[in-house]
Amino acid sequence: MKKSNLLPILCSVLILQFCQKKEVENQEVVSEPVQEEWVELFNGKDLTGWIPKIHHHETGDNFANTFRVVDGMIEVNYDGYDKFENRFGHLFYEKPFSSYQLTWMYRFTDQFMEDAPSYTYRNSGVMFHSQAPETILKEQDWPISVEWQMYAQEEEGVPRPTGNMCSPGTDVEFEGKIDPRHCINSSGPTFQWNEWVKADLIVYKDSIVHHLVNGDTVLTYKFPQIGGGTANRFDPAIKVDGTPLKSGYIGLQSEGQGVLFKDIKIKELK
């Protein structure tokens, strides 16, 4: 082969190598976040690492043993109550998280406090990006947070999807704008009260949030931030509207309906 024919071939090889290098660099830029290993948040034996906060009571006071461990599960139980008296409660994990996937299993029990608000029937939830439990005032009813709402069927034949979003003291962007509704329904299914449901929550700081039910995405929204209403008698220094919620605490809810939680695990996303 003549030397004059080598130059075009050499140029082609160099161009191909350059393009391959740029392709690799671009792949690195858009790669998925690094995933850590799954970590169990609940040891199945006791409430080590968890902090209760119940309305009308100080942080750390697990009034009437509301949150307890039974058969390797966290149970919300009101057998020590005479009346509910709006003792909305939350059991917070001791450490805040930012970007992560949280997974858990839940089902309701047949216990319901008759003097609890009617909307709490077969209703509970998991709060996230919450304010720290020690900053929740004794007479504050709801933590400033976002909620993965857990529902079960209330009336036969009437859909009541689970995996909804509620926003005590917060706002989220849904379908391109801040949504004024306190709760946004998911596209999730309706379950019987005694069915076990697998729930997942995927959060990327203050950017995007996904709710999953039995492995299917049922709701997506963006930009959780402090704002809105519903939470009452909070410390004004904590509720600075418009503040992006980049991280926060996870809390299991008690609001008059008995419920069981198990297999609570988290995987941080870097």
Protein backbone atom coordinates (compact mmCIF):
# COMPACT_ATOMS: atom_id res chain seq x y z
CA MET A 1 0.00 0.00 0.00
CA LYS A 2 1.33 3.45 -0.85
CA LYS A 3 2.18 5.83 2.02
CA SER A 4 -0.15 8.45 0.56
CA ASN A 5 -3.10 6.15 1.31
CA LEU A 6 -2.22 5.80 5.00
CA LEU A 7 -3.07 9.38 5.97
CA PRO A 8 -6.85 9.15 5.41
CA ILE A 9 -6.97 5.83 7.27
CA LEU A 10 -5.01 7.25 10.22
CA CYS A 11 -7.31 10.27 10.39
CA SER A 12 -10.38 8.03 10.39
CA VAL A 13 -9.00 5.96 13.27
CA LEU A 14 -8.25 9.07 15.34
CA ILE A 15 -11.72 10.50 14.72
CA LEU A 16 -13.35 7.20 15.71
CA GLN A 17 -11.33 7.04 18.94
CA PHE A 18 -12.28 10.64 19.79
CA CYS A 19 -15.99 9.95 19.22
CA GLN A 20 -15.86 6.82 21.38
CA LYS A 21 -14.18 8.78 24.18
CA LYS A 22 -16.85 11.51 24.07
CA GLU A 23 -19.60 8.87 24.12
CA VAL A 24 -18.12 7.36 27.29
CA GLU A 25 -17.84 10.81 28.89
CA ASN A 26 -21.47 11.57 28.07
CA GLN A 27 -22.56 8.24 29.54
CA GLU A 28 -20.74 9.11 32.76
CA VAL A 29 -22.54 12.45 32.99
CA VAL A 30 -26.04 10.95 32.75
CA SER A 31 -25.34 7.85 34.82
CA GLU A 32 -27.75 6.90 37.60
CA PRO A 33 -26.98 7.95 41.20
CA VAL A 34 -24.77 5.54 43.10
CA GLN A 35 -26.95 3.29 45.25
CA GLU A 36 -25.88 2.23 48.72
CA GLU A 37 -26.91 -1.07 50.30
CA TRP A 38 -30.31 -1.59 51.91
CA VAL A 39 -30.34 -0.74 55.62
CA GLU A 40 -32.98 -2.01 58.07
CA LEU A 41 -34.47 0.90 60.03
CA PHE A 42 -36.43 -1.37 62.38
CA ASN A 43 -34.66 -4.20 64.22
CA GLY A 44 -37.84 -6.25 64.73
CA LYS A 45 -37.33 -6.38 68.50
CA ASP A 46 -37.83 -2.93 70.00
CA LEU A 47 -38.11 0.76 69.09
CA THR A 48 -34.40 1.52 69.33
CA GLY A 49 -33.63 4.42 67.00
CA TRP A 50 -37.22 5.69 66.91
CA ILE A 51 -38.67 8.78 68.62
CA PRO A 52 -42.42 9.24 69.30
CA LYS A 53 -44.17 12.60 69.14
CA ILE A 54 -47.89 12.60 69.97
CA HIS A 55 -50.14 15.67 69.93
CA HIS A 56 -50.69 17.08 73.48
CA HIS A 57 -47.52 15.31 74.69
CA GLU A 58 -43.83 16.11 74.70
CA THR A 59 -41.43 14.62 72.18
CA GLY A 60 -40.29 11.21 73.42
CA ASP A 61 -43.50 10.44 75.35
CA ASN A 62 -45.01 7.28 73.84
CA PHE A 63 -48.41 7.91 75.42
CA ALA A 64 -50.27 4.71 76.40
CA ASN A 65 -47.73 2.63 74.49
CA THR A 66 -49.28 3.80 71.21
CA PHE A 67 -46.30 2.54 69.22
CA ARG A 68 -45.19 -0.95 70.18
CA VAL A 69 -43.47 -4.03 68.79
CA VAL A 70 -45.62 -7.13 68.29
CA ASP A 71 -44.48 -10.29 66.47
CA GLY A 72 -41.61 -8.46 64.77
CA MET A 73 -43.81 -5.59 63.56
CA ILE A 74 -44.42 -2.01 64.66
CA GLU A 75 -48.06 -1.78 65.73
CA VAL A 76 -50.13 1.35 66.27
CA ASN A 77 -52.56 0.38 69.02
CA TYR A 78 -55.00 2.37 71.17
CA ASP A 79 -55.97 -0.15 73.84
CA GLY A 80 -54.54 2.21 76.48
CA TYR A 81 -56.76 5.12 75.41
CA ASP A 82 -60.10 6.09 76.93
CA LYS A 83 -60.66 8.61 74.14
CA PHE A 84 -58.56 9.62 71.17
CA GLU A 85 -58.86 13.39 71.77
CA ASN A 86 -56.96 14.26 68.59
CA ARG A 87 -53.76 12.62 69.77
CA PHE A 88 -52.30 12.50 66.27
CA GLY A 89 -48.96 10.78 66.59
CA HIS A 90 -45.80 10.08 64.66
CA LEU A 91 -42.90 7.73 65.31
CA PHE A 92 -39.76 9.28 63.82
CA TYR A 93 -36.55 7.58 62.85
CA GLU A 94 -33.67 9.27 64.66
CA LYS A 95 -31.67 10.24 61.54
CA PRO A 96 -32.63 12.55 58.65
CA PHE A 97 -32.26 11.49 55.02
CA SER A 98 -32.01 13.36 51.73
CA SER A 99 -31.96 11.21 48.56
CA TYR A 100 -33.14 7.65 49.07
CA GLN A 101 -35.54 4.82 48.39
CA LEU A 102 -37.65 3.81 51.38
CA THR A 103 -39.63 0.58 51.34
CA TRP A 104 -42.06 -0.92 53.85
CA MET A 105 -45.05 -3.23 54.19
CA TYR A 106 -48.28 -2.21 55.91
CA ARG A 107 -51.80 -3.31 56.63
CA PHE A 108 -54.57 -1.98 58.82
CA THR A 109 -56.14 -3.66 61.84
CA ASP A 110 -59.84 -3.63 62.75
CA GLN A 111 -59.23 -1.14 65.58
CA PHE A 112 -60.56 2.40 65.13
CA MET A 113 -61.12 5.10 67.75
CA GLU A 114 -64.73 6.21 67.40
CA ASP A 115 -63.99 9.79 68.45
CA ALA A 116 -61.21 10.18 65.88
CA PRO A 117 -62.04 12.29 62.81
CA SER A 118 -64.01 10.28 60.26
CA TYR A 119 -61.41 10.90 57.54
CA THR A 120 -58.84 8.90 59.55
CA TYR A 121 -60.80 5.65 59.14
CA ARG A 122 -58.57 3.09 57.39
CA ASN A 123 -56.11 5.91 56.87
CA SER A 124 -52.50 6.30 57.97
CA GLY A 125 -49.24 7.35 56.38
CA VAL A 126 -45.50 7.76 56.35
CA MET A 127 -44.18 11.30 56.68
CA PHE A 128 -40.89 12.31 55.07
CA HIS A 129 -38.66 15.37 54.72
CA SER A 130 -40.16 16.25 58.11
CA GLN A 131 -38.92 18.80 60.59
CA ALA A 132 -36.88 17.32 63.43
CA PRO A 133 -39.07 15.74 66.14
CA GLU A 134 -37.50 17.86 68.88
CA THR A 135 -38.70 21.02 67.06
CA ILE A 136 -42.37 19.93 67.08
CA LEU A 137 -44.22 21.81 69.80
CA LYS A 138 -46.36 20.01 72.39
CA GLU A 139 -49.63 21.39 70.96
CA GLN A 140 -48.60 21.20 67.29
CA ASP A 141 -50.93 18.75 65.58
CA TRP A 142 -48.98 17.80 62.44
CA PRO A 143 -45.28 17.95 61.64
CA ILE A 144 -44.22 20.17 58.76
CA SER A 145 -43.57 17.40 56.27
CA VAL A 146 -44.83 15.54 53.19
CA GLU A 147 -46.91 12.37 53.52
CA TRP A 148 -47.14 9.09 51.60
CA GLN A 149 -50.79 8.46 52.47
CA MET A 150 -51.96 4.90 53.13
CA TYR A 151 -55.62 4.10 52.47
CA ALA A 152 -57.87 1.05 52.44
CA GLN A 153 -61.41 0.60 51.17
CA GLU A 154 -64.03 2.45 53.19
CA GLU A 155 -67.19 1.70 51.19
CA GLU A 156 -67.67 -1.34 48.96
CA GLY A 157 -67.47 -0.51 45.27
CA VAL A 158 -66.10 2.99 45.85
CA PRO A 159 -62.47 3.50 44.77
CA ARG A 160 -60.12 4.74 47.47
CA PRO A 161 -56.59 4.61 46.04
CA THR A 162 -53.57 4.29 48.27
CA GLY A 163 -50.23 6.01 47.75
CA ASN A 164 -51.60 9.56 47.75
CA MET A 165 -49.68 12.69 48.75
CA CYS A 166 -50.67 15.03 51.59
CA SER A 167 -48.80 18.17 52.58
CA PRO A 168 -49.08 19.46 56.17
CA GLY A 169 -47.24 22.78 56.20
CA THR A 170 -45.74 22.12 52.78
CA ASP A 171 -46.30 22.58 49.05
CA VAL A 172 -45.33 20.48 46.02
CA GLU A 173 -45.32 21.07 42.28
CA PHE A 174 -47.67 18.77 40.38
CA GLU A 175 -48.19 18.85 36.62
CA GLY A 176 -46.02 21.93 36.24
CA LYS A 177 -47.35 24.17 39.02
CA ILE A 178 -47.70 24.44 42.78
CA ASP A 179 -50.85 22.49 43.59
CA PRO A 180 -53.16 24.19 46.13
CA ARG A 181 -54.73 20.90 47.26
CA HIS A 182 -53.70 19.48 50.62
CA CYS A 183 -53.87 15.94 49.20
CA ILE A 184 -53.34 14.66 45.65
CA ASN A 185 -54.78 11.27 44.75
CA SER A 186 -52.58 8.66 43.14
CA SER A 187 -53.48 6.25 40.35
CA GLY A 188 -53.02 3.39 42.80
CA PRO A 189 -55.43 0.53 43.49
CA THR A 190 -57.92 0.17 46.33
CA PHE A 191 -57.13 -2.52 48.91
CA GLN A 192 -59.11 -4.27 51.62
CA TRP A 193 -58.17 -3.20 55.14
CA ASN A 194 -56.57 -6.55 55.99
CA GLU A 195 -54.40 -6.86 52.86
CA TRP A 196 -50.65 -6.42 53.11
CA VAL A 197 -49.37 -3.72 50.76
CA LYS A 198 -45.78 -3.05 49.67
CA ALA A 199 -45.02 0.66 49.57
CA ASP A 200 -41.98 2.46 48.17
CA LEU A 201 -40.94 6.09 48.27
CA ILE A 202 -38.15 7.41 46.03
CA VAL A 203 -36.91 10.92 46.85
CA TYR A 204 -34.19 12.99 45.19
CA LYS A 205 -33.56 15.82 47.68
CA ASP A 206 -35.91 18.69 46.78
CA SER A 207 -36.28 17.78 43.10
CA ILE A 208 -38.51 14.79 42.33
CA VAL A 209 -40.57 12.30 44.35
CA HIS A 210 -42.11 8.99 43.27
CA HIS A 211 -44.75 6.92 45.14
CA LEU A 212 -44.87 3.20 44.31
CA VAL A 213 -47.46 0.58 45.27
CA ASN A 214 -46.54 -3.09 44.88
CA GLY A 215 -43.74 -2.04 42.53
CA ASP A 216 -45.78 0.27 40.27
CA THR A 217 -45.31 4.05 40.20
CA VAL A 218 -48.66 5.63 41.10
CA LEU A 219 -47.72 9.28 41.69
CA THR A 220 -44.87 11.64 40.79
CA TYR A 221 -44.39 15.27 41.80
CA LYS A 222 -41.58 17.77 42.26
CA PHE A 223 -40.02 20.48 44.40
CA PRO A 224 -41.28 19.82 47.95
CA GLN A 225 -41.02 23.00 49.98
CA ILE A 226 -42.32 24.61 53.15
CA GLY A 227 -45.66 26.37 52.64
CA GLY A 228 -49.38 25.66 52.62
CA GLY A 229 -51.56 25.06 55.65
CA THR A 230 -53.07 22.23 57.77
CA ALA A 231 -50.21 22.14 60.32
CA ASN A 232 -51.17 24.26 63.34
CA ARG A 233 -49.52 25.81 66.41
CA PHE A 234 -46.00 25.32 65.05
CA ASP A 235 -42.91 27.38 65.83
CA PRO A 236 -42.96 30.24 63.27
CA ALA A 237 -39.17 30.08 63.09
CA ILE A 238 -39.47 26.60 61.59
CA LYS A 239 -42.14 27.36 58.98
CA VAL A 240 -40.39 29.64 56.51
CA ASP A 241 -42.56 29.38 53.41
CA GLY A 242 -40.74 28.75 50.15
CA THR A 243 -37.81 26.96 51.78
CA PRO A 244 -36.88 23.90 49.66
CA LEU A 245 -37.07 20.60 51.55
CA LYS A 246 -33.75 18.97 50.69
CA SER A 247 -33.83 16.47 53.57
CA GLY A 248 -35.71 15.56 56.71
CA TYR A 249 -37.00 12.89 59.04
CA ILE A 250 -39.19 9.85 58.33
CA GLY A 251 -42.23 9.26 60.56
CA LEU A 252 -44.86 6.52 60.89
CA GLN A 253 -48.30 7.92 61.56
CA SER A 254 -50.99 7.23 64.17
CA GLU A 255 -54.24 9.12 63.80
CA GLY A 256 -56.95 6.92 65.31
CA GLN A 257 -56.73 3.86 63.05
CA GLY A 258 -54.82 0.73 64.06
CA VAL A 259 -52.06 -0.23 61.62
CA LEU A 260 -49.06 -2.57 61.30
CA PHE A 261 -45.67 -1.78 59.73
CA LYS A 262 -42.89 -4.21 58.87
CA ASP A 263 -39.85 -4.69 56.59
CA ILE A 264 -38.88 -1.02 56.86
CA LYS A 265 -35.69 -0.51 54.85
CA ILE A 266 -33.85 2.36 53.21
CA LYS A 267 -31.27 2.65 50.46
CA GLU A 268 -29.54 6.00 50.13
CA LEU A 269 -28.96 7.41 46.65
CA LYS A 270 -25.74 9.38 46.25
